[in-house]
Protein backbone atom coordinates (compact mmCIF):
# COMPACT_ATOMS: atom_id res chain seq x y z
CA MET A 1 15.37 -40.04 0.15
CA PRO A 2 15.93 -40.15 -3.65
CA VAL A 3 14.59 -37.16 -5.52
CA HIS A 4 13.33 -37.43 -9.09
CA PRO A 5 15.12 -34.99 -11.45
CA SER A 6 11.79 -33.35 -12.31
CA SER A 7 11.15 -32.70 -8.61
CA ARG A 8 14.54 -31.04 -8.36
CA THR A 9 13.61 -28.74 -11.23
CA VAL A 10 10.23 -27.97 -9.65
CA LEU A 11 11.92 -27.00 -6.38
CA ALA A 12 14.50 -24.82 -8.10
CA ASP A 13 11.83 -22.99 -10.11
CA TRP A 14 9.65 -22.59 -7.02
CA PHE A 15 12.47 -21.10 -4.90
CA ARG A 16 13.44 -18.79 -7.74
CA GLU A 17 9.87 -17.47 -7.92
CA HIS A 18 9.00 -17.33 -4.21
CA SER A 19 12.23 -16.18 -2.50
CA THR A 20 12.77 -12.56 -1.47
CA THR A 21 16.35 -11.32 -1.77
CA LEU A 22 17.42 -9.41 1.34
CA ALA A 23 19.75 -6.42 1.12
CA THR A 24 22.05 -7.02 4.07
CA LEU A 25 22.78 -8.82 7.33
CA ASP A 26 23.83 -5.57 9.02
CA PRO A 27 21.52 -5.25 12.05
CA GLN A 28 21.70 -1.46 11.95
CA GLU A 29 20.54 -1.03 8.36
CA SER A 30 16.99 -0.37 7.14
CA LEU A 31 14.47 -3.10 7.89
CA ASP A 32 12.31 -2.51 4.82
CA ASP A 33 13.57 -5.62 3.01
CA LEU A 34 12.16 -7.78 5.84
CA GLU A 35 8.56 -6.73 5.22
CA ALA A 36 7.87 -10.16 3.71
CA LEU A 37 8.06 -11.47 7.28
CA ARG A 38 4.88 -9.66 8.25
CA GLU A 39 2.56 -12.05 6.41
CA ILE A 40 4.51 -15.11 7.57
CA VAL A 41 4.30 -14.03 11.21
CA GLY A 42 0.68 -12.90 11.07
CA ASP A 43 -0.79 -12.52 14.54
CA ALA A 44 1.23 -15.37 16.10
CA ARG A 45 2.15 -14.91 19.73
CA VAL A 46 5.47 -16.79 19.46
CA VAL A 47 7.85 -16.61 16.50
CA ALA A 48 10.89 -18.87 16.70
CA ILE A 49 14.08 -17.91 14.85
CA GLY A 50 16.43 -20.85 14.40
CA GLU A 51 20.02 -21.47 13.36
CA GLY A 52 21.37 -24.39 11.37
CA ALA A 53 24.56 -24.50 13.44
CA HIS A 54 25.77 -22.95 16.67
CA PHE A 55 28.48 -20.26 16.78
CA VAL A 56 27.92 -18.87 13.25
CA GLU A 57 28.39 -15.11 12.98
CA GLU A 58 26.01 -14.66 10.04
CA PHE A 59 23.18 -16.38 11.93
CA SER A 60 23.74 -14.06 14.90
CA HIS A 61 23.49 -11.01 12.65
CA ALA A 62 20.39 -12.34 10.87
CA ARG A 63 18.67 -13.06 14.20
CA GLN A 64 19.45 -9.58 15.46
CA ARG A 65 17.91 -8.03 12.33
CA VAL A 66 14.80 -10.19 12.60
CA LEU A 67 14.50 -9.47 16.33
CA ARG A 68 14.73 -5.75 15.70
CA TYR A 69 12.13 -5.99 12.91
CA LEU A 70 9.67 -7.93 15.05
CA ALA A 71 10.08 -5.52 17.96
CA GLU A 72 9.95 -2.27 15.98
CA ARG A 73 7.49 -3.19 13.21
CA CYS A 74 5.30 -5.92 14.78
CA GLY A 75 5.17 -5.05 18.48
CA PHE A 76 6.98 -8.06 19.98
CA THR A 77 7.94 -7.46 23.61
CA ILE A 78 9.83 -10.55 24.88
CA PHE A 79 13.06 -12.05 23.62
CA ALA A 80 13.47 -15.65 24.82
CA MET A 81 16.61 -17.62 24.16
CA GLU A 82 18.16 -21.08 24.46
CA PHE A 83 19.55 -19.93 27.83
CA GLY A 84 19.08 -21.09 31.41
CA PHE A 85 15.65 -20.27 32.86
CA GLY A 86 16.98 -19.21 36.24
CA GLU A 87 20.17 -17.57 34.98
CA ALA A 88 18.13 -15.23 32.77
CA PHE A 89 16.58 -13.21 35.62
CA PRO A 90 19.75 -11.32 36.64
CA LEU A 91 20.68 -10.96 32.98
CA ASP A 92 17.28 -9.39 32.23
CA ARG A 93 17.85 -6.84 35.01
CA TRP A 94 21.16 -5.89 33.41
CA LEU A 95 19.52 -5.66 29.98
CA GLN A 96 16.91 -3.31 31.43
CA GLY A 97 19.69 -0.91 32.55
CA GLU A 98 20.93 -2.17 35.90
CA GLY A 99 24.71 -1.96 36.47
CA ASN A 100 27.45 -0.89 34.07
CA ASP A 101 27.56 -1.27 30.30
CA GLY A 102 30.74 -3.35 30.43
CA ALA A 103 29.52 -5.77 33.09
CA LEU A 104 28.04 -8.56 30.92
CA ALA A 105 30.74 -11.07 31.89
CA GLU A 106 30.13 -10.34 35.58
CA VAL A 107 26.39 -10.88 35.20
CA SER A 108 26.66 -13.97 32.98
CA ARG A 109 29.94 -15.64 32.06
CA ALA A 110 28.09 -18.02 29.72
CA ALA A 111 26.45 -15.18 27.79
CA ALA A 112 29.79 -13.40 27.42
CA GLU A 113 31.78 -16.45 26.32
CA TRP A 114 29.32 -18.50 24.25
CA GLY A 115 28.77 -16.13 21.34
CA ALA A 116 25.93 -13.93 22.64
CA SER A 117 27.90 -10.87 23.74
CA ASP A 118 27.31 -8.71 20.65
CA LEU A 119 23.58 -9.46 20.62
CA LEU A 120 23.11 -8.81 24.33
CA ASN A 121 25.21 -5.63 24.41
CA TRP A 122 23.11 -4.39 21.49
CA LEU A 123 19.93 -5.36 23.34
CA ARG A 124 20.95 -3.34 26.42
CA HIS A 125 21.53 -0.32 24.19
CA HIS A 126 18.28 -0.99 22.33
CA ASN A 127 16.29 -1.09 25.56
CA ARG A 128 17.79 2.21 26.66
CA THR A 129 17.19 4.06 23.40
CA SER A 130 14.25 2.42 21.62
CA ALA A 131 10.52 2.99 21.97
CA HIS A 132 10.17 -0.81 21.69
CA PRO A 133 12.15 -2.37 24.58
CA LEU A 134 12.34 -6.13 25.00
CA ARG A 135 12.25 -8.21 28.18
CA PHE A 136 14.69 -11.11 28.21
CA ALA A 137 13.64 -14.65 29.18
CA GLY A 138 15.52 -17.93 29.56
CA ILE A 139 13.90 -21.26 28.72
CA ASP A 140 16.61 -23.89 29.14
CA VAL A 141 18.04 -26.13 31.84
CA PRO A 142 21.18 -24.67 33.50
CA GLU A 143 24.21 -24.50 31.21
CA ALA A 144 22.45 -26.70 28.64
CA GLY A 145 22.45 -29.59 31.11
CA GLY A 146 25.96 -29.11 32.48
CA ALA A 147 25.26 -27.79 35.98
CA LEU A 148 22.89 -27.88 38.95
CA ARG A 149 24.18 -25.03 41.11
CA PRO A 150 22.69 -22.23 38.95
CA ALA A 151 19.25 -23.76 39.54
CA LEU A 152 19.60 -24.91 43.15
CA GLU A 153 21.56 -22.13 44.87
CA PRO A 154 18.70 -19.61 44.44
CA VAL A 155 16.30 -22.30 45.70
CA ALA A 156 18.43 -22.64 48.82
CA ASP A 157 18.18 -18.89 49.39
CA TYR A 158 14.41 -19.12 49.00
CA LEU A 159 14.09 -22.03 51.42
CA ARG A 160 16.12 -20.21 54.09
CA GLU A 161 13.24 -17.75 54.17
CA VAL A 162 10.19 -20.00 53.77
CA ASP A 163 11.22 -23.49 54.96
CA PRO A 164 14.69 -23.78 56.55
CA ASP A 165 14.11 -27.42 57.52
CA ALA A 166 13.96 -28.38 53.81
CA LEU A 167 17.41 -26.94 53.12
CA ARG A 168 19.00 -30.32 53.76
CA LEU A 169 17.44 -31.62 50.54
CA VAL A 170 19.20 -28.96 48.48
CA ASP A 171 22.43 -29.42 50.44
CA THR A 172 22.41 -33.14 49.70
CA ALA A 173 21.78 -32.60 46.00
CA LEU A 174 24.63 -30.11 45.76
CA GLU A 175 27.02 -32.33 47.72
CA VAL A 176 26.42 -35.21 45.31
CA SER A 177 26.51 -33.08 42.17
CA ASP A 178 29.75 -31.34 43.19
CA ARG A 179 31.47 -34.73 43.14
CA PHE A 180 31.17 -34.94 39.36
CA LEU A 181 30.16 -31.56 37.93
CA GLU A 182 33.21 -29.51 38.88
CA GLY A 183 34.86 -28.36 35.67
CA CYS A 184 31.95 -29.41 33.43
CA GLY A 185 30.75 -26.75 31.04
CA SER A 186 27.89 -28.42 29.19
CA GLY A 187 25.67 -31.48 29.05
CA ALA A 188 28.16 -33.10 26.66
CA ALA A 189 30.74 -33.14 29.46
CA ALA A 190 28.34 -33.74 32.37
CA GLY A 191 26.87 -37.00 31.07
CA PRO A 192 30.14 -38.97 31.02
CA ALA A 193 31.15 -37.37 34.36
CA TRP A 194 27.86 -38.55 35.92
CA ALA A 195 28.60 -42.07 34.71
CA GLY A 196 31.67 -42.12 36.98
CA LEU A 197 29.53 -41.78 40.12
CA PRO A 198 28.66 -44.92 42.09
CA VAL A 199 25.15 -46.07 41.20
CA ALA A 200 24.01 -45.45 44.79
CA GLU A 201 24.98 -41.79 44.49
CA GLN A 202 23.31 -41.45 41.09
CA ASN A 203 20.11 -42.79 42.65
CA GLU A 204 20.48 -40.58 45.71
CA LEU A 205 20.65 -37.47 43.54
CA THR A 206 17.50 -38.44 41.63
CA ALA A 207 15.62 -39.33 44.81
CA VAL A 208 16.46 -36.17 46.73
CA LEU A 209 15.50 -33.92 43.78
CA ALA A 210 12.19 -35.76 43.45
CA ARG A 211 11.51 -35.30 47.18
CA LEU A 212 12.30 -31.59 46.91
CA LEU A 213 9.93 -31.08 43.98
CA LEU A 214 7.14 -33.05 45.64
CA ARG A 215 7.51 -31.02 48.81
CA LEU A 216 7.24 -27.74 46.92
CA ARG A 217 4.09 -28.96 45.20
CA ALA A 218 2.54 -30.21 48.42
CA VAL A 219 3.10 -27.10 50.55
CA GLU A 220 2.62 -24.42 47.89
CA PRO A 221 0.01 -22.45 49.92
CA LEU A 222 2.39 -22.29 52.88
CA TYR A 223 5.33 -21.11 50.79
CA VAL A 224 3.19 -18.53 48.98
CA SER A 225 1.94 -17.15 52.30
CA ARG A 226 5.55 -16.66 53.38
CA SER A 227 6.73 -15.11 50.09
CA SER A 228 4.62 -14.48 46.98
CA GLN A 229 3.09 -16.51 44.17
CA ARG A 230 5.67 -15.32 41.64
CA ARG A 231 8.63 -16.13 43.88
CA PHE A 232 7.21 -19.59 44.53
CA ASP A 233 6.57 -20.17 40.82
CA ILE A 234 10.18 -19.28 39.98
CA ALA A 235 11.56 -21.52 42.75
CA ARG A 236 9.46 -24.44 41.58
CA ARG A 237 10.54 -23.96 37.98
CA ARG A 238 14.18 -23.99 39.12
CA VAL A 239 13.68 -27.28 40.94
CA GLU A 240 12.00 -28.68 37.84
CA ALA A 241 15.08 -27.58 35.88
CA ALA A 242 17.27 -29.55 38.29
CA CYS A 243 15.11 -32.66 37.92
CA HIS A 244 15.17 -32.48 34.13
CA THR A 245 18.94 -31.87 34.18
CA ASP A 246 19.47 -34.91 36.37
CA TYR A 247 17.58 -37.03 33.83
CA MET A 248 19.66 -35.57 31.02
CA PHE A 249 22.92 -36.69 32.68
CA GLN A 250 21.86 -40.29 32.12
CA ALA A 251 20.31 -39.63 28.70
CA MET A 252 23.37 -37.82 27.35
CA ASN A 253 25.76 -40.46 28.66
CA ALA A 254 23.65 -43.19 27.07
CA LEU A 255 23.54 -41.32 23.75
CA LEU A 256 27.32 -40.83 23.69
CA SER A 257 27.92 -44.49 24.53
CA GLY A 258 25.44 -45.77 21.91
CA ARG A 259 22.84 -47.03 24.39
CA GLY A 260 20.27 -44.23 24.30
CA LEU A 261 16.54 -44.80 24.39
CA ALA A 262 14.51 -43.55 21.45
CA ALA A 263 13.58 -39.88 21.88
CA ASP A 264 15.33 -39.72 25.29
CA LEU A 265 16.64 -36.20 24.64
CA SER A 266 13.02 -35.01 24.59
CA VAL A 267 13.26 -34.39 28.35
CA ARG A 268 15.21 -31.18 27.73
CA GLU A 269 12.87 -30.28 24.87
CA ILE A 270 9.70 -30.49 26.98
CA TYR A 271 11.35 -28.40 29.70
CA MET A 272 12.09 -25.66 27.18
CA ALA A 273 8.57 -25.80 25.73
CA GLU A 274 7.01 -25.60 29.18
CA SER A 275 9.31 -22.69 30.02
CA VAL A 276 7.98 -20.82 27.00
CA ARG A 277 4.45 -21.50 28.23
CA TRP A 278 5.46 -20.39 31.76
CA HIS A 279 6.70 -17.04 30.46
CA LEU A 280 3.56 -16.53 28.37
CA GLU A 281 1.34 -17.29 31.37
CA HIS A 282 3.30 -14.79 33.47
CA ALA A 283 3.36 -12.11 30.75
CA ALA A 284 1.01 -9.19 30.29
CA PRO A 285 -1.95 -9.48 27.90
CA GLY A 286 -0.78 -8.67 24.40
CA ASP A 287 2.86 -9.59 24.99
CA ARG A 288 4.44 -11.45 22.07
CA MET A 289 7.65 -13.48 22.09
CA VAL A 290 10.60 -13.91 19.74
CA LEU A 291 12.23 -17.26 20.55
CA ALA A 292 15.85 -17.95 19.51
CA ALA A 293 17.06 -21.55 19.45
CA HIS A 294 18.71 -24.07 17.13
CA ASN A 295 16.66 -25.26 14.15
CA SER A 296 16.54 -28.72 15.73
CA HIS A 297 14.82 -27.26 18.82
CA ILE A 298 12.21 -25.10 17.04
CA HIS A 299 11.38 -27.85 14.50
CA LYS A 300 7.60 -28.65 14.55
CA THR A 301 7.89 -32.35 13.70
CA GLU A 302 9.79 -35.21 15.33
CA LEU A 303 13.53 -35.28 14.87
CA GLU A 304 15.39 -38.27 13.42
CA LEU A 305 19.17 -38.34 13.23
CA GLY A 306 21.21 -41.36 12.20
CA GLY A 307 18.10 -43.33 11.27
CA GLY A 308 16.53 -43.30 14.72
CA LEU A 309 14.03 -41.15 16.61
CA THR A 310 16.24 -38.69 18.51
CA ALA A 311 13.79 -36.26 20.07
CA LEU A 312 10.34 -34.75 20.07
CA PRO A 313 11.57 -31.16 19.76
CA MET A 314 10.48 -28.15 21.74
CA GLY A 315 8.85 -26.87 18.56
CA GLN A 316 6.67 -29.97 18.24
CA HIS A 317 5.44 -29.46 21.81
CA LEU A 318 4.86 -25.74 21.21
CA HIS A 319 2.97 -26.47 18.00
CA ARG A 320 0.66 -28.77 19.99
CA MET A 321 0.28 -26.18 22.76
CA LEU A 322 -0.15 -23.06 20.64
CA GLY A 323 -1.24 -24.15 17.17
CA ARG A 324 -1.09 -21.25 14.72
CA ASP A 325 0.10 -18.99 17.50
CA TYR A 326 3.52 -20.60 16.94
CA ARG A 327 5.51 -19.81 13.78
CA THR A 328 9.05 -20.89 12.87
CA VAL A 329 11.78 -19.43 10.68
CA ALA A 330 14.78 -21.70 10.06
CA LEU A 331 18.19 -20.16 9.35
CA VAL A 332 20.41 -22.04 6.88
CA HIS A 333 23.58 -21.40 4.89
CA THR A 334 24.81 -22.51 1.46
CA ALA A 335 28.56 -22.51 2.24
CA ASP A 336 30.78 -25.58 1.84
CA HIS A 337 32.00 -25.47 5.45
CA VAL A 338 30.60 -24.71 8.90
CA PRO A 339 31.84 -24.57 12.52
CA GLU A 340 31.15 -27.97 14.09
CA MET A 341 31.25 -29.30 17.66
CA TYR A 342 33.36 -32.46 17.94
CA PRO A 343 33.06 -34.48 21.18
CA ASP A 344 36.18 -34.05 23.31
CA GLN A 345 36.13 -35.12 26.95
CA GLY A 346 39.52 -33.48 27.44
CA VAL A 347 37.99 -29.98 27.55
CA ALA A 348 35.54 -28.51 30.05
CA VAL A 349 32.68 -27.94 27.58
CA GLY A 350 32.88 -31.52 26.30
CA PHE A 351 33.57 -30.62 22.66
CA THR A 352 36.08 -28.89 20.40
CA LEU A 353 34.89 -26.33 17.85
CA ALA A 354 36.48 -26.74 14.40
CA GLU A 355 35.64 -26.22 10.74
CA ALA A 356 33.78 -29.07 9.03
CA HIS A 357 34.00 -29.30 5.24
CA LEU A 358 30.68 -30.27 3.70
CA ASP A 359 29.70 -32.50 0.84
CA PRO A 360 27.38 -30.96 -1.78
CA ALA A 361 23.84 -30.55 -0.44
CA GLU A 362 21.59 -33.54 -1.02
CA PRO A 363 18.87 -33.22 -3.71
CA GLY A 364 15.54 -32.35 -2.11
CA SER A 365 17.18 -30.28 0.63
CA VAL A 366 16.69 -26.56 1.20
CA GLU A 367 20.35 -25.92 0.45
CA ALA A 368 20.28 -27.86 -2.83
CA ALA A 369 17.10 -26.10 -3.96
CA LEU A 370 18.62 -22.69 -3.27
CA THR A 371 21.77 -23.66 -5.16
CA ASP A 372 19.81 -25.04 -8.11
CA ALA A 373 17.78 -21.83 -8.19
CA GLY A 374 20.95 -19.74 -8.49
CA LEU A 375 20.42 -18.19 -5.05
CA ALA A 376 23.35 -19.70 -3.15
CA ASP A 377 25.28 -16.41 -3.20
CA HIS A 378 22.36 -14.32 -1.95
CA ILE A 379 20.67 -13.64 1.38
CA THR A 380 17.10 -14.85 0.91
CA LEU A 381 13.83 -15.24 2.78
CA THR A 382 11.36 -17.86 1.55
CA ASP A 383 7.81 -18.48 2.78
CA LEU A 384 7.48 -22.28 2.90
CA ARG A 385 3.79 -22.53 3.75
CA HIS A 386 2.80 -23.25 0.14
CA ALA A 387 5.90 -25.18 -0.94
CA PRO A 388 5.24 -27.86 -3.61
CA ARG A 389 4.08 -31.36 -2.64
CA ASP A 390 3.66 -34.63 -4.49
CA VAL A 391 0.30 -36.19 -5.37
CA GLN A 392 0.12 -37.89 -1.95
CA GLY A 393 0.65 -34.53 -0.23
CA ALA A 394 4.23 -35.19 0.94
CA PRO A 395 6.59 -32.20 0.68
CA LEU A 396 9.07 -32.32 -2.20
CA LEU A 397 11.39 -30.38 0.11
CA ASN A 398 12.55 -33.15 2.45
CA GLY A 399 15.96 -32.24 3.85
CA ILE A 400 17.93 -29.56 5.66
CA ARG A 401 21.40 -29.43 7.17
CA SER A 402 21.75 -29.64 10.95
CA GLN A 403 25.26 -28.63 12.00
CA SER A 404 27.41 -30.49 9.43
CA SER A 405 25.00 -33.39 8.83
CA PRO A 406 22.05 -33.78 6.45
CA LEU A 407 18.72 -34.12 8.24
CA SER A 408 15.76 -35.83 6.61
CA SER A 409 12.73 -33.68 7.41
CA PRO A 410 9.36 -32.67 5.93
CA VAL A 411 10.70 -29.12 5.82
CA PRO A 412 7.45 -27.18 5.07
CA ASP A 413 5.75 -29.03 7.95
CA ALA A 414 8.64 -28.26 10.31
CA PHE A 415 9.18 -24.59 9.41
CA ASP A 416 7.00 -21.76 8.12
CA ALA A 417 9.88 -19.97 6.41
CA VAL A 418 13.62 -20.19 5.81
CA LEU A 419 16.19 -17.41 5.83
CA ALA A 420 19.38 -18.39 3.99
CA VAL A 421 22.85 -16.82 4.05
CA PRO A 422 25.71 -17.61 1.65
CA THR A 423 28.53 -17.89 4.22
CA ALA A 424 29.07 -19.49 7.63
CA THR A 425 31.87 -17.88 9.64
CA ARG A 426 32.87 -18.89 13.16
CA ASP A 427 31.60 -16.30 15.64
CA ARG A 428 34.60 -14.26 16.76
CA THR A 429 33.03 -13.61 20.19
CA VAL A 430 33.16 -17.28 21.26
CA ARG A 431 35.67 -17.51 24.11
CA PHE A 432 35.89 -21.15 25.22
């Protein structure tokens, strides 16, 4: 969207006046410079901390600082992450002190290899030494849509106890999924692999997962009487994860082949939003959550990429569910390059990670406004809730980078604040 030169000047002046310069990204340093967050967060029950691109070291450090601030200064008690719902339970036990310090890779290969190892090793130490420990929660489908076994194997164990006759439904789902998911490491790889299945087997997988979920819903009192309400609730949520993942196989394949339905990726987004609500409903009174996910997931308005409606993000659903109890802080950078994920069906994860060189930020974007304000070389925090608007009420700030692409967005409607860093370095802990 074209931006009038006077609007560009207004934005630069406004950022110069309203941005707080932060002292450091070092998670171990004093938190005093983050006090501006207190008013932004208010009494919200969920505060989402984004990232403008995956696998950026500076974003990981900034998140860790903000997480520590919200736990130590504001009383937050749950750390939820863009991580598999079911896979998070054993990881939470390790984070609470179970097992050995060096056992992260044994507990969760994904956490160890996908850039979360420093954060989670710090969190284990934090929980052991701090007066403000944090429980860990997962919100996502298994392996970001690249697997069914992490969701269904624990369900099989549960059914052996409460309903052995229903095991055949899980066995059938796993038999079909193993024919195409072996070697897949993400939804980007799983979608094209699913497309290679005969249509009859695609339909069989969908049908058997639907039957399994319907059976759980129908006989809930029986299952609860043979186990407990919490164990049933977790099993049902895992089956729901499998159903949503199955849908995403088709949706991701259609997107990659240029045939996707408008907003089809919203299926994963609503699962994540409902997982957040699940954890809040199962939390103690007074518990508050820090939620870490990509900016495009925490975004409070619909998401359009490439000129079409791509998704109704998790953040839009959470904003509808929670209202002012949901606050968002986007993380952005002002560098001229960023690690980017390029589709590559020749590797297990479905993409190759490489540096993308960026064009200058578009006028009207967060990054351009920071640059125009002379803040591109600083770490800054900016409260966006009173950002300037035109006479019709539309935000002058109307763009933000997502990965290496510009995203048109009513930024102050999508995010409550933005934390900006001047560099974007590939996370050295990524191991795939």
